[in-house]
Amino acid sequence: MSTTGMWEELFAERRWRVAAELTGIVHADGHHEGKVLVAGAPVTFDKGAFELPAGCAYQSVLSTNKARRGIMLQETSQAGDEDIPGSRIALGAPAVKRAREVFGAVWST
């Protein structure tokens, strides 16, 4: 995994949870921060984990690589009792694992 060096900025003092409420199919707008490559692509969510169809990809803020599968995180308050509006990020499972283990930044469910 080629990284962008944003680990400290995202996880040193911030807290996140898996957006487990995201389940079902949504259609990507193709313009979400320039990361989804095909407009209208059906994105399948299962308790925050997602998969894009073949031929589509996203790029997380932590990697220069593109992928079809990932986990949507929602930033929370330090206590974890409040979501921070507009602060979802998509990451690969290995990145979420590292954020949990190294930074303790992702709430366990």
PDB file of N, CA and C in Angstrom:
ATOM      1  N   MET A   1       0.854  -1.178   0.000  1.00  0.00           N
ATOM      2  CA  MET A   1       0.000   0.000   0.000  1.00  0.00           C
ATOM      3  C   MET A   1       0.896   1.236   0.000  1.00  0.00           C
ATOM      4  N   SER A   2       0.658   2.085  -0.947  1.00  0.00           N
ATOM      5  CA  SER A   2       1.371   3.348  -1.026  1.00  0.00           C
ATOM      6  C   SER A   2       0.572   4.396  -0.257  1.00  0.00           C
ATOM      7  N   THR A   3       1.183   5.026   0.736  1.00  0.00           N
ATOM      8  CA  THR A   3       0.421   5.930   1.595  1.00  0.00           C
ATOM      9  C   THR A   3       0.685   7.400   1.287  1.00  0.00           C
ATOM     10  N   THR A   4      -0.239   8.239   1.724  1.00  0.00           N
ATOM     11  CA  THR A   4      -0.143   9.677   1.486  1.00  0.00           C
ATOM     12  C   THR A   4       0.430  10.438   2.674  1.00  0.00           C
ATOM     13  N   GLY A   5       0.714   9.752   3.789  1.00  0.00           N
ATOM     14  CA  GLY A   5       1.305  10.410   4.944  1.00  0.00           C
ATOM     15  C   GLY A   5       0.331  11.189   5.806  1.00  0.00           C
ATOM     16  N   MET A   6      -0.950  10.877   5.740  1.00  0.00           N
ATOM     17  CA  MET A   6      -1.967  11.606   6.505  1.00  0.00           C
ATOM     18  C   MET A   6      -2.408  10.873   7.772  1.00  0.00           C
ATOM     19  N   TRP A   7      -1.717   9.835   8.177  1.00  0.00           N
ATOM     20  CA  TRP A   7      -2.120   9.025   9.323  1.00  0.00           C
ATOM     21  C   TRP A   7      -2.255   9.867  10.588  1.00  0.00           C
ATOM     22  N   GLU A   8      -1.239  10.626  10.920  1.00  0.00           N
ATOM     23  CA  GLU A   8      -1.263  11.450  12.138  1.00  0.00           C
ATOM     24  C   GLU A   8      -2.412  12.454  12.105  1.00  0.00           C
ATOM     25  N   GLU A   9      -2.570  13.111  10.982  1.00  0.00           N
ATOM     26  CA  GLU A   9      -3.613  14.130  10.847  1.00  0.00           C
ATOM     27  C   GLU A   9      -5.011  13.545  11.065  1.00  0.00           C
ATOM     28  N   LEU A  10      -5.242  12.349  10.539  1.00  0.00           N
ATOM     29  CA  LEU A  10      -6.567  11.744  10.647  1.00  0.00           C
ATOM     30  C   LEU A  10      -6.817  11.000  11.947  1.00  0.00           C
ATOM     31  N   PHE A  11      -5.765  10.423  12.552  1.00  0.00           N
ATOM     32  CA  PHE A  11      -6.009   9.501  13.647  1.00  0.00           C
ATOM     33  C   PHE A  11      -5.335   9.818  14.977  1.00  0.00           C
ATOM     34  N   ALA A  12      -4.392  10.722  15.012  1.00  0.00           N
ATOM     35  CA  ALA A  12      -3.689  10.982  16.269  1.00  0.00           C
ATOM     36  C   ALA A  12      -4.617  11.559  17.337  1.00  0.00           C
ATOM     37  N   GLU A  13      -5.504  12.469  16.963  1.00  0.00           N
ATOM     38  CA  GLU A  13      -6.354  13.116  17.956  1.00  0.00           C
ATOM     39  C   GLU A  13      -7.836  13.080  17.594  1.00  0.00           C
ATOM     40  N   ARG A  14      -8.170  12.328  16.570  1.00  0.00           N
ATOM     41  CA  ARG A  14      -9.562  12.250  16.128  1.00  0.00           C
ATOM     42  C   ARG A  14     -10.079  10.833  16.347  1.00  0.00           C
ATOM     43  N   ARG A  15     -11.400  10.684  16.479  1.00  0.00           N
ATOM     44  CA  ARG A  15     -12.004   9.378  16.711  1.00  0.00           C
ATOM     45  C   ARG A  15     -13.044   9.091  15.626  1.00  0.00           C
ATOM     46  N   TRP A  16     -13.158   7.820  15.286  1.00  0.00           N
ATOM     47  CA  TRP A  16     -14.012   7.382  14.191  1.00  0.00           C
ATOM     48  C   TRP A  16     -14.784   6.127  14.588  1.00  0.00           C
ATOM     49  N   ARG A  17     -15.867   5.873  13.881  1.00  0.00           N
ATOM     50  CA  ARG A  17     -16.610   4.628  14.020  1.00  0.00           C
ATOM     51  C   ARG A  17     -16.945   4.123  12.623  1.00  0.00           C
ATOM     52  N   VAL A  18     -17.152   2.805  12.492  1.00  0.00           N
ATOM     53  CA  VAL A  18     -17.628   2.262  11.227  1.00  0.00           C
ATOM     54  C   VAL A  18     -19.075   2.707  11.063  1.00  0.00           C
ATOM     55  N   ALA A  19     -19.408   3.213   9.903  1.00  0.00           N
ATOM     56  CA  ALA A  19     -20.769   3.690   9.623  1.00  0.00           C
ATOM     57  C   ALA A  19     -21.671   2.486   9.330  1.00  0.00           C
ATOM     58  N   ALA A  20     -21.927   1.687  10.360  1.00  0.00           N
ATOM     59  CA  ALA A  20     -22.659   0.427  10.225  1.00  0.00           C
ATOM     60  C   ALA A  20     -24.104   0.624   9.778  1.00  0.00           C
ATOM     61  N   GLU A  21     -24.633   1.828   9.900  1.00  0.00           N
ATOM     62  CA  GLU A  21     -25.995   2.087   9.449  1.00  0.00           C
ATOM     63  C   GLU A  21     -26.115   2.077   7.929  1.00  0.00           C
ATOM     64  N   LEU A  22     -24.966   2.112   7.242  1.00  0.00           N
ATOM     65  CA  LEU A  22     -24.984   2.101   5.777  1.00  0.00           C
ATOM     66  C   LEU A  22     -25.107   0.661   5.284  1.00  0.00           C
ATOM     67  N   THR A  23     -26.291   0.311   4.815  1.00  0.00           N
ATOM     68  CA  THR A  23     -26.572  -1.012   4.266  1.00  0.00           C
ATOM     69  C   THR A  23     -27.527  -0.835   3.104  1.00  0.00           C
ATOM     70  N   GLY A  24     -27.227  -1.494   2.006  1.00  0.00           N
ATOM     71  CA  GLY A  24     -28.070  -1.383   0.823  1.00  0.00           C
ATOM     72  C   GLY A  24     -27.254  -0.913  -0.365  1.00  0.00           C
ATOM     73  N   ILE A  25     -27.945  -0.507  -1.405  1.00  0.00           N
ATOM     74  CA  ILE A  25     -27.284  -0.065  -2.639  1.00  0.00           C
ATOM     75  C   ILE A  25     -27.565   1.412  -2.861  1.00  0.00           C
ATOM     76  N   VAL A  26     -26.510   2.164  -3.120  1.00  0.00           N
ATOM     77  CA  VAL A  26     -26.643   3.569  -3.511  1.00  0.00           C
ATOM     78  C   VAL A  26     -25.926   3.735  -4.843  1.00  0.00           C
ATOM     79  N   HIS A  27     -26.287   4.764  -5.563  1.00  0.00           N
ATOM     80  CA  HIS A  27     -25.643   5.021  -6.850  1.00  0.00           C
ATOM     81  C   HIS A  27     -24.700   6.204  -6.710  1.00  0.00           C
ATOM     82  N   ALA A  28     -23.435   5.947  -6.961  1.00  0.00           N
ATOM     83  CA  ALA A  28     -22.398   6.968  -6.811  1.00  0.00           C
ATOM     84  C   ALA A  28     -22.648   8.121  -7.774  1.00  0.00           C
ATOM     85  N   ASP A  29     -22.354   9.317  -7.300  1.00  0.00           N
ATOM     86  CA  ASP A  29     -22.562  10.491  -8.147  1.00  0.00           C
ATOM     87  C   ASP A  29     -21.394  10.733  -9.093  1.00  0.00           C
ATOM     88  N   GLY A  30     -20.296  10.027  -8.904  1.00  0.00           N
ATOM     89  CA  GLY A  30     -19.159  10.174  -9.807  1.00  0.00           C
ATOM     90  C   GLY A  30     -18.303  11.382  -9.524  1.00  0.00           C
ATOM     91  N   HIS A  31     -18.677  12.185  -8.547  1.00  0.00           N
ATOM     92  CA  HIS A  31     -17.935  13.408  -8.279  1.00  0.00           C
ATOM     93  C   HIS A  31     -17.536  13.565  -6.818  1.00  0.00           C
ATOM     94  N   HIS A  32     -17.744  12.564  -6.005  1.00  0.00           N
ATOM     95  CA  HIS A  32     -17.426  12.662  -4.578  1.00  0.00           C
ATOM     96  C   HIS A  32     -15.925  12.825  -4.403  1.00  0.00           C
ATOM     97  N   GLU A  33     -15.475  14.044  -4.291  1.00  0.00           N
ATOM     98  CA  GLU A  33     -14.066  14.385  -4.119  1.00  0.00           C
ATOM     99  C   GLU A  33     -13.194  13.774  -5.212  1.00  0.00           C
ATOM    100  N   GLY A  34     -13.794  13.480  -6.355  1.00  0.00           N
ATOM    101  CA  GLY A  34     -13.028  12.929  -7.471  1.00  0.00           C
ATOM    102  C   GLY A  34     -12.548  11.512  -7.257  1.00  0.00           C
ATOM    103  N   LYS A  35     -13.075  10.818  -6.263  1.00  0.00           N
ATOM    104  CA  LYS A  35     -12.555   9.497  -5.939  1.00  0.00           C
ATOM    105  C   LYS A  35     -13.323   8.365  -6.615  1.00  0.00           C
ATOM    106  N   VAL A  36     -14.629   8.522  -6.844  1.00  0.00           N
ATOM    107  CA  VAL A  36     -15.403   7.499  -7.533  1.00  0.00           C
ATOM    108  C   VAL A  36     -15.252   7.745  -9.012  1.00  0.00           C
ATOM    109  N   LEU A  37     -14.915   6.709  -9.745  1.00  0.00           N
ATOM    110  CA  LEU A  37     -14.541   6.917 -11.137  1.00  0.00           C
ATOM    111  C   LEU A  37     -15.675   6.796 -12.146  1.00  0.00           C
ATOM    112  N   VAL A  38     -16.791   6.184 -11.772  1.00  0.00           N
ATOM    113  CA  VAL A  38     -17.878   5.995 -12.725  1.00  0.00           C
ATOM    114  C   VAL A  38     -19.181   6.535 -12.133  1.00  0.00           C
ATOM    115  N   ALA A  39     -19.760   7.538 -12.767  1.00  0.00           N
ATOM    116  CA  ALA A  39     -21.016   8.112 -12.282  1.00  0.00           C
ATOM    117  C   ALA A  39     -22.136   7.094 -12.406  1.00  0.00           C
ATOM    118  N   GLY A  40     -22.993   7.038 -11.405  1.00  0.00           N
ATOM    119  CA  GLY A  40     -24.128   6.132 -11.423  1.00  0.00           C
ATOM    120  C   GLY A  40     -23.815   4.705 -11.027  1.00  0.00           C
ATOM    121  N   ALA A  41     -22.581   4.410 -10.682  1.00  0.00           N
ATOM    122  CA  ALA A  41     -22.198   3.049 -10.311  1.00  0.00           C
ATOM    123  C   ALA A  41     -22.924   2.627  -9.042  1.00  0.00           C
ATOM    124  N   PRO A  42     -23.479   1.407  -9.021  1.00  0.00           N
ATOM    125  CA  PRO A  42     -24.139   0.937  -7.799  1.00  0.00           C
ATOM    126  C   PRO A  42     -23.103   0.519  -6.758  1.00  0.00           C
ATOM    127  N   VAL A  43     -23.133   1.157  -5.618  1.00  0.00           N
ATOM    128  CA  VAL A  43     -22.222   0.832  -4.518  1.00  0.00           C
ATOM    129  C   VAL A  43     -23.015   0.021  -3.504  1.00  0.00           C
ATOM    130  N   THR A  44     -22.558  -1.190  -3.223  1.00  0.00           N
ATOM    131  CA  THR A  44     -23.254  -2.073  -2.297  1.00  0.00           C
ATOM    132  C   THR A  44     -22.633  -1.950  -0.914  1.00  0.00           C
ATOM    133  N   PHE A  45     -23.451  -1.560   0.057  1.00  0.00           N
ATOM    134  CA  PHE A  45     -23.013  -1.415   1.444  1.00  0.00           C
ATOM    135  C   PHE A  45     -23.569  -2.547   2.300  1.00  0.00           C
ATOM    136  N   ASP A  46     -22.765  -3.038   3.224  1.00  0.00           N
ATOM    137  CA  ASP A  46     -23.196  -4.022   4.213  1.00  0.00           C
ATOM    138  C   ASP A  46     -22.602  -3.626   5.552  1.00  0.00           C
ATOM    139  N   LYS A  47     -23.383  -2.939   6.364  1.00  0.00           N
ATOM    140  CA  LYS A  47     -22.952  -2.475   7.685  1.00  0.00           C
ATOM    141  C   LYS A  47     -21.651  -1.668   7.617  1.00  0.00           C
ATOM    142  N   GLY A  48     -21.580  -0.769   6.667  1.00  0.00           N
ATOM    143  CA  GLY A  48     -20.435   0.118   6.534  1.00  0.00           C
ATOM    144  C   GLY A  48     -19.364  -0.358   5.577  1.00  0.00           C
ATOM    145  N   ALA A  49     -19.286  -1.665   5.347  1.00  0.00           N
ATOM    146  CA  ALA A  49     -18.348  -2.199   4.356  1.00  0.00           C
ATOM    147  C   ALA A  49     -18.995  -2.015   2.982  1.00  0.00           C
ATOM    148  N   PHE A  50     -18.198  -1.721   1.967  1.00  0.00           N
ATOM    149  CA  PHE A  50     -18.780  -1.493   0.651  1.00  0.00           C
ATOM    150  C   PHE A  50     -17.952  -2.129  -0.444  1.00  0.00           C
ATOM    151  N   GLU A  51     -18.625  -2.308  -1.575  1.00  0.00           N
ATOM    152  CA  GLU A  51     -17.956  -2.832  -2.760  1.00  0.00           C
ATOM    153  C   GLU A  51     -18.522  -2.133  -3.987  1.00  0.00           C
ATOM    154  N   LEU A  52     -17.630  -1.717  -4.865  1.00  0.00           N
ATOM    155  CA  LEU A  52     -18.016  -1.125  -6.132  1.00  0.00           C
ATOM    156  C   LEU A  52     -17.953  -2.212  -7.202  1.00  0.00           C
ATOM    157  N   PRO A  53     -18.731  -2.077  -8.272  1.00  0.00           N
ATOM    158  CA  PRO A  53     -18.704  -3.089  -9.334  1.00  0.00           C
ATOM    159  C   PRO A  53     -17.388  -3.049 -10.109  1.00  0.00           C
ATOM    160  N   ALA A  54     -17.130  -4.126 -10.834  1.00  0.00           N
ATOM    161  CA  ALA A  54     -15.934  -4.192 -11.687  1.00  0.00           C
ATOM    162  C   ALA A  54     -15.913  -2.988 -12.615  1.00  0.00           C
ATOM    163  N   GLY A  55     -14.744  -2.421 -12.819  1.00  0.00           N
ATOM    164  CA  GLY A  55     -14.588  -1.252 -13.671  1.00  0.00           C
ATOM    165  C   GLY A  55     -14.700   0.066 -12.928  1.00  0.00           C
ATOM    166  N   CYS A  56     -15.042   0.012 -11.648  1.00  0.00           N
ATOM    167  CA  CYS A  56     -15.149   1.208 -10.819  1.00  0.00           C
ATOM    168  C   CYS A  56     -14.126   1.122  -9.693  1.00  0.00           C
ATOM    169  N   ALA A  57     -13.717   2.257  -9.178  1.00  0.00           N
ATOM    170  CA  ALA A  57     -12.750   2.269  -8.083  1.00  0.00           C
ATOM    171  C   ALA A  57     -12.864   3.582  -7.319  1.00  0.00           C
ATOM    172  N   TYR A  58     -12.313   3.565  -6.111  1.00  0.00           N
ATOM    173  CA  TYR A  58     -12.210   4.780  -5.314  1.00  0.00           C
ATOM    174  C   TYR A  58     -10.770   4.862  -4.827  1.00  0.00           C
ATOM    175  N   GLN A  59     -10.399   6.020  -4.365  1.00  0.00           N
ATOM    176  CA  GLN A  59      -9.063   6.238  -3.800  1.00  0.00           C
ATOM    177  C   GLN A  59      -9.248   6.872  -2.434  1.00  0.00           C
ATOM    178  N   SER A  60      -8.749   6.209  -1.398  1.00  0.00           N
ATOM    179  CA  SER A  60      -8.884   6.766  -0.053  1.00  0.00           C
ATOM    180  C   SER A  60      -7.888   7.907   0.135  1.00  0.00           C
ATOM    181  N   VAL A  61      -8.113   8.687   1.172  1.00  0.00           N
ATOM    182  CA  VAL A  61      -7.204   9.798   1.466  1.00  0.00           C
ATOM    183  C   VAL A  61      -5.858   9.307   1.986  1.00  0.00           C
ATOM    184  N   LEU A  62      -5.761   8.021   2.307  1.00  0.00           N
ATOM    185  CA  LEU A  62      -4.519   7.464   2.852  1.00  0.00           C
ATOM    186  C   LEU A  62      -3.651   6.764   1.822  1.00  0.00           C
ATOM    187  N   SER A  63      -4.166   6.549   0.630  1.00  0.00           N
ATOM    188  CA  SER A  63      -3.440   5.742  -0.335  1.00  0.00           C
ATOM    189  C   SER A  63      -3.454   6.369  -1.717  1.00  0.00           C
ATOM    190  N   THR A  64      -2.418   6.098  -2.462  1.00  0.00           N
ATOM    191  CA  THR A  64      -2.393   6.525  -3.856  1.00  0.00           C
ATOM    192  C   THR A  64      -2.932   5.421  -4.760  1.00  0.00           C
ATOM    193  N   ASN A  65      -3.211   4.249  -4.193  1.00  0.00           N
ATOM    194  CA  ASN A  65      -3.783   3.131  -4.940  1.00  0.00           C
ATOM    195  C   ASN A  65      -5.295   3.255  -4.993  1.00  0.00           C
ATOM    196  N   LYS A  66      -5.895   2.631  -5.991  1.00  0.00           N
ATOM    197  CA  LYS A  66      -7.342   2.606  -6.122  1.00  0.00           C
ATOM    198  C   LYS A  66      -7.841   1.210  -5.751  1.00  0.00           C
ATOM    199  N   ALA A  67      -9.086   1.127  -5.264  1.00  0.00           N
ATOM    200  CA  ALA A  67      -9.652  -0.150  -4.830  1.00  0.00           C
ATOM    201  C   ALA A  67     -11.148  -0.182  -5.093  1.00  0.00           C
ATOM    202  N   ARG A  68     -11.716  -1.378  -5.027  1.00  0.00           N
ATOM    203  CA  ARG A  68     -13.164  -1.559  -5.196  1.00  0.00           C
ATOM    204  C   ARG A  68     -13.873  -1.812  -3.876  1.00  0.00           C
ATOM    205  N   ARG A  69     -13.139  -2.239  -2.856  1.00  0.00           N
ATOM    206  CA  ARG A  69     -13.746  -2.568  -1.564  1.00  0.00           C
ATOM    207  C   ARG A  69     -13.189  -1.667  -0.480  1.00  0.00           C
ATOM    208  N   GLY A  70     -14.016  -1.398   0.526  1.00  0.00           N
ATOM    209  CA  GLY A  70     -13.544  -0.569   1.624  1.00  0.00           C
ATOM    210  C   GLY A  70     -14.537  -0.522   2.758  1.00  0.00           C
ATOM    211  N   ILE A  71     -14.256   0.351   3.702  1.00  0.00           N
ATOM    212  CA  ILE A  71     -15.094   0.555   4.880  1.00  0.00           C
ATOM    213  C   ILE A  71     -15.304   2.051   5.044  1.00  0.00           C
ATOM    214  N   MET A  72     -16.556   2.443   5.241  1.00  0.00           N
ATOM    215  CA  MET A  72     -16.878   3.853   5.439  1.00  0.00           C
ATOM    216  C   MET A  72     -16.796   4.171   6.932  1.00  0.00           C
ATOM    217  N   LEU A  73     -15.983   5.158   7.275  1.00  0.00           N
ATOM    218  CA  LEU A  73     -15.866   5.605   8.657  1.00  0.00           C
ATOM    219  C   LEU A  73     -16.583   6.939   8.827  1.00  0.00           C
ATOM    220  N   GLN A  74     -17.119   7.125  10.015  1.00  0.00           N
ATOM    221  CA  GLN A  74     -17.786   8.365  10.404  1.00  0.00           C
ATOM    222  C   GLN A  74     -17.019   8.941  11.589  1.00  0.00           C
ATOM    223  N   GLU A  75     -16.570  10.189  11.480  1.00  0.00           N
ATOM    224  CA  GLU A  75     -15.876  10.813  12.608  1.00  0.00           C
ATOM    225  C   GLU A  75     -16.873  11.091  13.729  1.00  0.00           C
ATOM    226  N   THR A  76     -16.406  10.920  14.969  1.00  0.00           N
ATOM    227  CA  THR A  76     -17.245  11.162  16.145  1.00  0.00           C
ATOM    228  C   THR A  76     -16.551  12.157  17.069  1.00  0.00           C
ATOM    229  N   SER A  77     -17.298  12.587  18.075  1.00  0.00           N
ATOM    230  CA  SER A  77     -16.691  13.382  19.138  1.00  0.00           C
ATOM    231  C   SER A  77     -15.703  12.494  19.886  1.00  0.00           C
ATOM    232  N   GLN A  78     -14.876  13.074  20.716  1.00  0.00           N
ATOM    233  CA  GLN A  78     -13.898  12.299  21.482  1.00  0.00           C
ATOM    234  C   GLN A  78     -14.562  11.232  22.344  1.00  0.00           C
ATOM    235  N   ALA A  79     -15.742  11.531  22.868  1.00  0.00           N
ATOM    236  CA  ALA A  79     -16.460  10.579  23.719  1.00  0.00           C
ATOM    237  C   ALA A  79     -17.201   9.523  22.898  1.00  0.00           C
ATOM    238  N   GLY A  80     -17.341   9.766  21.601  1.00  0.00           N
ATOM    239  CA  GLY A  80     -18.035   8.829  20.741  1.00  0.00           C
ATOM    240  C   GLY A  80     -19.539   8.942  20.784  1.00  0.00           C
ATOM    241  N   ASP A  81     -20.055   9.970  21.426  1.00  0.00           N
ATOM    242  CA  ASP A  81     -21.498  10.095  21.587  1.00  0.00           C
ATOM    243  C   ASP A  81     -22.164  10.997  20.545  1.00  0.00           C
ATOM    244  N   GLU A  82     -21.370  11.564  19.646  1.00  0.00           N
ATOM    245  CA  GLU A  82     -21.903  12.483  18.647  1.00  0.00           C
ATOM    246  C   GLU A  82     -21.121  12.351  17.352  1.00  0.00           C
ATOM    247  N   ASP A  83     -21.826  12.273  16.232  1.00  0.00           N
ATOM    248  CA  ASP A  83     -21.173  12.262  14.925  1.00  0.00           C
ATOM    249  C   ASP A  83     -20.805  13.683  14.526  1.00  0.00           C
ATOM    250  N   ILE A  84     -19.707  13.823  13.806  1.00  0.00           N
ATOM    251  CA  ILE A  84     -19.299  15.107  13.242  1.00  0.00           C
ATOM    252  C   ILE A  84     -19.872  15.163  11.823  1.00  0.00           C
ATOM    253  N   PRO A  85     -20.815  16.065  11.562  1.00  0.00           N
ATOM    254  CA  PRO A  85     -21.444  16.120  10.234  1.00  0.00           C
ATOM    255  C   PRO A  85     -20.427  16.334   9.111  1.00  0.00           C
ATOM    256  N   GLY A  86     -20.650  15.633   8.002  1.00  0.00           N
ATOM    257  CA  GLY A  86     -19.823  15.807   6.813  1.00  0.00           C
ATOM    258  C   GLY A  86     -18.418  15.259   6.915  1.00  0.00           C
ATOM    259  N   SER A  87     -18.200  14.291   7.800  1.00  0.00           N
ATOM    260  CA  SER A  87     -16.825  13.830   8.004  1.00  0.00           C
ATOM    261  C   SER A  87     -16.635  12.336   7.757  1.00  0.00           C
ATOM    262  N   ARG A  88     -17.344  11.779   6.819  1.00  0.00           N
ATOM    263  CA  ARG A  88     -17.135  10.376   6.471  1.00  0.00           C
ATOM    264  C   ARG A  88     -15.943  10.233   5.547  1.00  0.00           C
ATOM    265  N   ILE A  89     -15.207   9.132   5.742  1.00  0.00           N
ATOM    266  CA  ILE A  89     -14.114   8.804   4.832  1.00  0.00           C
ATOM    267  C   ILE A  89     -14.173   7.314   4.505  1.00  0.00           C
ATOM    268  N   ALA A  90     -13.741   6.969   3.311  1.00  0.00           N
ATOM    269  CA  ALA A  90     -13.682   5.580   2.870  1.00  0.00           C
ATOM    270  C   ALA A  90     -12.229   5.116   2.919  1.00  0.00           C
ATOM    271  N   LEU A  91     -12.017   3.980   3.595  1.00  0.00           N
ATOM    272  CA  LEU A  91     -10.679   3.406   3.717  1.00  0.00           C
ATOM    273  C   LEU A  91     -10.727   1.917   3.435  1.00  0.00           C
ATOM    274  N   GLY A  92      -9.580   1.352   3.108  1.00  0.00           N
ATOM    275  CA  GLY A  92      -9.478  -0.093   2.972  1.00  0.00           C
ATOM    276  C   GLY A  92      -9.429  -0.742   4.345  1.00  0.00           C
ATOM    277  N   ALA A  93      -9.798  -2.022   4.398  1.00  0.00           N
ATOM    278  CA  ALA A  93      -9.805  -2.755   5.670  1.00  0.00           C
ATOM    279  C   ALA A  93      -8.442  -2.752   6.366  1.00  0.00           C
ATOM    280  N   PRO A  94      -7.317  -2.902   5.649  1.00  0.00           N
ATOM    281  CA  PRO A  94      -6.022  -2.852   6.336  1.00  0.00           C
ATOM    282  C   PRO A  94      -5.755  -1.494   7.007  1.00  0.00           C
ATOM    283  N   ALA A  95      -6.219  -0.415   6.390  1.00  0.00           N
ATOM    284  CA  ALA A  95      -6.024   0.919   6.978  1.00  0.00           C
ATOM    285  C   ALA A  95      -6.870   1.083   8.239  1.00  0.00           C
ATOM    286  N   VAL A  96      -8.101   0.564   8.213  1.00  0.00           N
ATOM    287  CA  VAL A  96      -8.959   0.645   9.400  1.00  0.00           C
ATOM    288  C   VAL A  96      -8.330  -0.163  10.536  1.00  0.00           C
ATOM    289  N   LYS A  97      -7.807  -1.323  10.198  1.00  0.00           N
ATOM    290  CA  LYS A  97      -7.141  -2.161  11.211  1.00  0.00           C
ATOM    291  C   LYS A  97      -5.954  -1.416  11.833  1.00  0.00           C
ATOM    292  N   ARG A  98      -5.149  -0.775  11.007  1.00  0.00           N
ATOM    293  CA  ARG A  98      -3.990  -0.032  11.522  1.00  0.00           C
ATOM    294  C   ARG A  98      -4.429   1.160  12.384  1.00  0.00           C
ATOM    295  N   ALA A  99      -5.466   1.863  11.943  1.00  0.00           N
ATOM    296  CA  ALA A  99      -5.966   3.005  12.717  1.00  0.00           C
ATOM    297  C   ALA A  99      -6.439   2.551  14.099  1.00  0.00           C
ATOM    298  N   ARG A 100      -7.033   1.366  14.171  1.00  0.00           N
ATOM    299  CA  ARG A 100      -7.464   0.810  15.462  1.00  0.00           C
ATOM    300  C   ARG A 100      -6.259   0.431  16.317  1.00  0.00           C
ATOM    301  N   GLU A 101      -5.353  -0.340  15.734  1.00  0.00           N
ATOM    302  CA  GLU A 101      -4.240  -0.908  16.502  1.00  0.00           C
ATOM    303  C   GLU A 101      -3.188   0.118  16.896  1.00  0.00           C
ATOM    304  N   VAL A 102      -2.824   0.990  15.985  1.00  0.00           N
ATOM    305  CA  VAL A 102      -1.733   1.935  16.234  1.00  0.00           C
ATOM    306  C   VAL A 102      -2.214   3.189  16.961  1.00  0.00           C
ATOM    307  N   PHE A 103      -3.367   3.699  16.564  1.00  0.00           N
ATOM    308  CA  PHE A 103      -3.841   4.973  17.097  1.00  0.00           C
ATOM    309  C   PHE A 103      -5.016   4.835  18.065  1.00  0.00           C
ATOM    310  N   GLY A 104      -5.664   3.678  18.109  1.00  0.00           N
ATOM    311  CA  GLY A 104      -6.856   3.519  18.938  1.00  0.00           C
ATOM    312  C   GLY A 104      -7.949   4.486  18.510  1.00  0.00           C
ATOM    313  N   ALA A 105      -7.992   4.795  17.210  1.00  0.00           N
ATOM    314  CA  ALA A 105      -8.850   5.869  16.716  1.00  0.00           C
ATOM    315  C   ALA A 105     -10.190   5.406  16.181  1.00  0.00           C
ATOM    316  N   VAL A 106     -10.392   4.094  16.014  1.00  0.00           N
ATOM    317  CA  VAL A 106     -11.652   3.597  15.471  1.00  0.00           C
ATOM    318  C   VAL A 106     -12.345   2.796  16.563  1.00  0.00           C
ATOM    319  N   TRP A 107     -13.553   3.245  16.922  1.00  0.00           N
ATOM    320  CA  TRP A 107     -14.324   2.573  17.969  1.00  0.00           C
ATOM    321  C   TRP A 107     -14.611   1.154  17.560  1.00  0.00           C
ATOM    322  N   SER A 108     -14.458   0.233  18.460  1.00  0.00           N
ATOM    323  CA  SER A 108     -14.822  -1.170  18.187  1.00  0.00           C
ATOM    324  C   SER A 108     -16.318  -1.317  18.332  1.00  0.00           C
ATOM    325  N   THR A 109     -16.872  -2.220  17.539  1.00  0.00           N
ATOM    326  CA  THR A 109     -18.321  -2.456  17.592  1.00  0.00           C
ATOM    327  C   THR A 109     -18.607  -3.810  18.171  1.00  0.00           C
TER     328      THR A 109
END
